[in-house]
Amino acid sequence: MKNINFNYLLIFFLSLFYLWIVFLIVNPNVSEEYRAYYIERITSDWRPLRYTAVVSEGFDFSKPGLPSFIRYTAGISYHESWGRWTDASLKKTVRIIYEEPFFGDVCVNIMLSPALPQIGRLVVIRFGSNEQQFVTQAGAQWYQLDFRLDDPTSTLEIEPSVSATPALWDPTNKDLREISLGLYRLIALPGACKELESSNL
């Protein structure tokens, strides 16, 4: 009788142990960056190079790695000499996480070039609960957006209308990424927007 009870207890505790192991596998206690790269697979960056920059200088996508004021990104492809493509095969909505939150009036200046299917289509930019949108033009263009953040936020999101593999318009292209926007520069500055001046960008 004692052996039977012991066996039941052993089975019970082993079951609890294995349930705990499964819980840890499903919900690992890891950093956001680790989860984004290894578990969710929504970023192409893991322990990227860091270059020293301040927020007012902006995110220069043509530089390898990330500026020191960006914690991590999601939905953006690997670095190329000119910048980076958004990549919906990683994540449909681009996510850029700043090290420090923004609050109040913020001006977002972004320079981008749409892939062929995205030309003339809507792009939505979200900063916290605030949302702005614009229609893309062909070629590399600056777009300027005013935000009013009622709560501190570190997350900026970019949502294109359409993404596609380059083979859609170029059958010889074997690139399997689902691209939409070519990103060149992103500058988020405290305060309301002023007229764009190329000398300041």
Protein backbone atom coordinates (compact mmCIF):
# COMPACT_ATOMS: atom_id res chain seq x y z
CA MET A 1 0.00 0.00 0.00
CA LYS A 2 2.83 2.39 0.89
CA ASN A 3 4.53 1.58 -2.43
CA ILE A 4 1.33 2.43 -4.32
CA ASN A 5 1.01 5.77 -2.53
CA PHE A 6 4.66 6.55 -3.16
CA ASN A 7 4.26 5.80 -6.85
CA TYR A 8 1.26 8.13 -7.08
CA LEU A 9 3.17 10.88 -5.31
CA LEU A 10 6.16 10.38 -7.59
CA ILE A 11 3.95 10.58 -10.68
CA PHE A 12 2.25 13.69 -9.29
CA PHE A 13 5.51 15.54 -8.60
CA LEU A 14 7.03 14.47 -11.90
CA SER A 15 3.93 15.78 -13.68
CA LEU A 16 4.28 19.12 -11.89
CA PHE A 17 7.96 19.25 -12.80
CA TYR A 18 7.33 18.60 -16.49
CA LEU A 19 4.46 21.12 -16.55
CA TRP A 20 6.85 23.70 -15.11
CA ILE A 21 9.43 22.86 -17.78
CA VAL A 22 6.80 23.27 -20.52
CA PHE A 23 5.73 26.61 -19.02
CA LEU A 24 9.33 27.84 -19.06
CA ILE A 25 9.74 26.76 -22.69
CA VAL A 26 6.53 28.51 -23.76
CA ASN A 27 7.15 31.59 -21.58
CA PRO A 28 10.91 31.97 -21.22
CA ASN A 29 12.22 34.77 -19.02
CA VAL A 30 14.32 36.52 -21.68
CA SER A 31 14.89 40.06 -22.90
CA GLU A 32 12.63 41.69 -25.52
CA GLU A 33 15.53 41.63 -27.99
CA TYR A 34 16.17 37.90 -27.45
CA ARG A 35 12.46 37.10 -27.81
CA ALA A 36 12.18 39.19 -31.00
CA TYR A 37 15.18 37.49 -32.67
CA TYR A 38 15.09 33.88 -31.46
CA ILE A 39 11.46 33.21 -30.57
CA GLU A 40 9.21 35.55 -32.56
CA ARG A 41 11.74 35.92 -35.42
CA ILE A 42 10.58 39.45 -36.23
CA THR A 43 13.98 41.14 -36.37
CA SER A 44 17.15 40.62 -38.40
CA ASP A 45 19.33 42.11 -35.64
CA TRP A 46 20.83 40.22 -32.74
CA ARG A 47 23.46 42.06 -30.74
CA PRO A 48 23.98 44.51 -33.63
CA LEU A 49 26.86 46.93 -33.91
CA ARG A 50 26.17 50.21 -32.12
CA TYR A 51 27.27 53.57 -33.40
CA THR A 52 27.29 56.63 -31.15
CA ALA A 53 24.59 59.15 -32.00
CA VAL A 54 22.09 61.44 -30.30
CA VAL A 55 18.36 61.52 -31.00
CA SER A 56 18.58 64.83 -32.87
CA GLU A 57 20.93 63.22 -35.43
CA GLY A 58 18.32 60.59 -36.21
CA PHE A 59 18.47 56.95 -37.29
CA ASP A 60 20.67 56.68 -40.40
CA PHE A 61 19.67 53.37 -41.99
CA SER A 62 22.68 53.48 -44.34
CA LYS A 63 25.00 52.90 -41.38
CA PRO A 64 25.61 49.31 -40.24
CA GLY A 65 24.08 48.51 -36.87
CA LEU A 66 21.84 50.68 -34.71
CA PRO A 67 22.35 54.13 -33.18
CA SER A 68 22.95 54.15 -29.44
CA PHE A 69 19.50 55.63 -28.73
CA ILE A 70 17.61 52.73 -30.37
CA ARG A 71 17.03 49.61 -28.26
CA TYR A 72 15.91 47.32 -31.09
CA THR A 73 13.81 47.11 -34.25
CA ALA A 74 11.37 44.62 -35.77
CA GLY A 75 10.12 44.19 -39.32
CA ILE A 76 13.23 45.74 -40.88
CA SER A 77 15.57 43.74 -43.12
CA TYR A 78 19.35 43.60 -43.02
CA HIS A 79 21.57 46.62 -43.67
CA GLU A 80 22.47 47.59 -47.25
CA SER A 81 24.81 50.37 -48.41
CA TRP A 82 21.92 52.80 -49.05
CA GLY A 83 19.67 51.87 -46.09
CA ARG A 84 17.20 49.09 -45.23
CA TRP A 85 13.95 47.63 -46.58
CA THR A 86 10.92 46.95 -44.47
CA ASP A 87 10.27 43.19 -44.58
CA ALA A 88 6.77 41.84 -43.94
CA SER A 89 8.13 38.27 -43.84
CA LEU A 90 9.60 39.32 -40.47
CA LYS A 91 6.72 41.53 -39.33
CA LYS A 92 4.08 43.42 -41.32
CA THR A 93 4.25 46.50 -39.10
CA VAL A 94 7.72 47.92 -38.48
CA ARG A 95 8.51 48.56 -34.84
CA ILE A 96 11.30 50.88 -33.66
CA ILE A 97 11.95 50.96 -29.90
CA TYR A 98 13.79 53.96 -28.47
CA GLU A 99 15.88 53.72 -25.31
CA GLU A 100 14.13 56.76 -23.81
CA PRO A 101 10.42 57.63 -24.14
CA PHE A 102 9.01 60.69 -25.89
CA PHE A 103 6.23 62.85 -24.43
CA GLY A 104 4.21 65.85 -25.55
CA ASP A 105 4.75 67.38 -29.01
CA VAL A 106 7.04 65.35 -31.27
CA CYS A 107 7.98 65.96 -34.91
CA VAL A 108 8.82 62.89 -36.98
CA ASN A 109 10.78 63.34 -40.21
CA ILE A 110 11.25 60.21 -42.29
CA MET A 111 12.99 59.77 -45.63
CA LEU A 112 11.89 56.70 -47.57
CA SER A 113 11.35 55.31 -51.04
CA PRO A 114 8.43 52.95 -51.78
CA ALA A 115 8.77 49.70 -53.71
CA LEU A 116 6.74 49.68 -56.94
CA PRO A 117 3.46 48.22 -55.48
CA GLN A 118 3.52 50.76 -52.59
CA ILE A 119 3.80 53.90 -54.79
CA GLY A 120 0.72 56.09 -54.31
CA ARG A 121 -0.43 53.97 -51.38
CA LEU A 122 -1.06 54.87 -47.75
CA VAL A 123 1.54 54.57 -44.97
CA VAL A 124 0.42 54.78 -41.34
CA ILE A 125 2.84 55.97 -38.63
CA ARG A 126 1.92 55.31 -35.00
CA PHE A 127 3.65 56.84 -32.01
CA GLY A 128 2.03 55.49 -28.87
CA SER A 129 -1.75 55.91 -29.27
CA ASN A 130 -1.31 58.75 -31.81
CA GLU A 131 -1.60 57.98 -35.53
CA GLN A 132 -0.70 59.94 -38.68
CA GLN A 133 -0.70 58.88 -42.33
CA PHE A 134 0.50 59.94 -45.75
CA VAL A 135 0.48 58.72 -49.35
CA THR A 136 3.84 57.76 -50.82
CA GLN A 137 5.35 59.30 -53.93
CA ALA A 138 7.84 57.61 -56.27
CA GLY A 139 11.50 57.95 -55.34
CA ALA A 140 13.19 58.97 -52.12
CA GLN A 141 11.15 61.67 -50.35
CA TRP A 142 11.02 63.31 -46.92
CA TYR A 143 7.71 63.11 -45.02
CA GLN A 144 7.01 65.20 -41.93
CA LEU A 145 4.43 64.35 -39.27
CA ASP A 146 3.27 66.10 -36.08
CA PHE A 147 2.42 63.99 -33.04
CA ARG A 148 0.96 64.89 -29.67
CA LEU A 149 1.81 62.19 -27.10
CA ASP A 150 -0.36 62.32 -24.00
CA ASP A 151 1.54 59.44 -22.42
CA PRO A 152 5.28 58.69 -22.54
CA THR A 153 6.08 56.16 -25.28
CA SER A 154 9.22 54.58 -26.70
CA THR A 155 7.60 52.73 -29.60
CA LEU A 156 7.20 54.08 -33.13
CA GLU A 157 5.44 51.88 -35.72
CA ILE A 158 5.37 52.11 -39.51
CA GLU A 159 2.62 50.26 -41.40
CA PRO A 160 2.75 50.14 -45.23
CA SER A 161 -0.34 49.27 -47.29
CA VAL A 162 1.21 46.48 -49.33
CA SER A 163 4.35 44.34 -49.33
CA ALA A 164 5.58 41.98 -52.03
CA THR A 165 8.59 40.01 -53.18
CA PRO A 166 10.59 41.80 -55.93
CA ALA A 167 9.81 38.94 -58.34
CA LEU A 168 6.32 40.46 -58.66
CA TRP A 169 7.73 43.22 -60.91
CA ASP A 170 11.09 41.66 -61.80
CA PRO A 171 10.87 37.90 -62.62
CA THR A 172 14.68 37.62 -62.62
CA ASN A 173 14.91 38.78 -58.99
CA LYS A 174 15.19 35.86 -56.55
CA ASP A 175 14.88 37.99 -53.41
CA LEU A 176 12.26 36.31 -51.15
CA ARG A 177 11.78 39.25 -48.79
CA GLU A 178 8.35 40.91 -48.73
CA ILE A 179 9.50 44.50 -49.14
CA SER A 180 7.53 47.74 -49.16
CA LEU A 181 9.50 50.78 -47.98
CA GLY A 182 13.16 51.60 -48.44
CA LEU A 183 14.18 53.43 -45.26
CA TYR A 184 16.93 56.07 -45.39
CA ARG A 185 16.58 58.35 -42.36
CA LEU A 186 14.29 58.74 -39.35
CA ILE A 187 14.49 61.78 -37.09
CA ALA A 188 12.13 62.22 -34.12
CA LEU A 189 12.48 65.59 -32.37
CA PRO A 190 10.69 67.08 -29.35
CA GLY A 191 8.43 69.98 -30.28
CA ALA A 192 6.07 70.85 -33.10
CA CYS A 193 7.23 70.47 -36.69
CA LYS A 194 8.80 73.33 -38.57
CA GLU A 195 9.30 73.56 -42.31
CA LEU A 196 11.81 70.99 -43.52
CA GLU A 197 15.23 72.44 -44.18
CA SER A 198 17.66 70.14 -45.98
CA SER A 199 20.59 71.71 -44.15
CA ASN A 200 19.16 70.43 -40.86
CA LEU A 201 18.61 66.86 -42.10
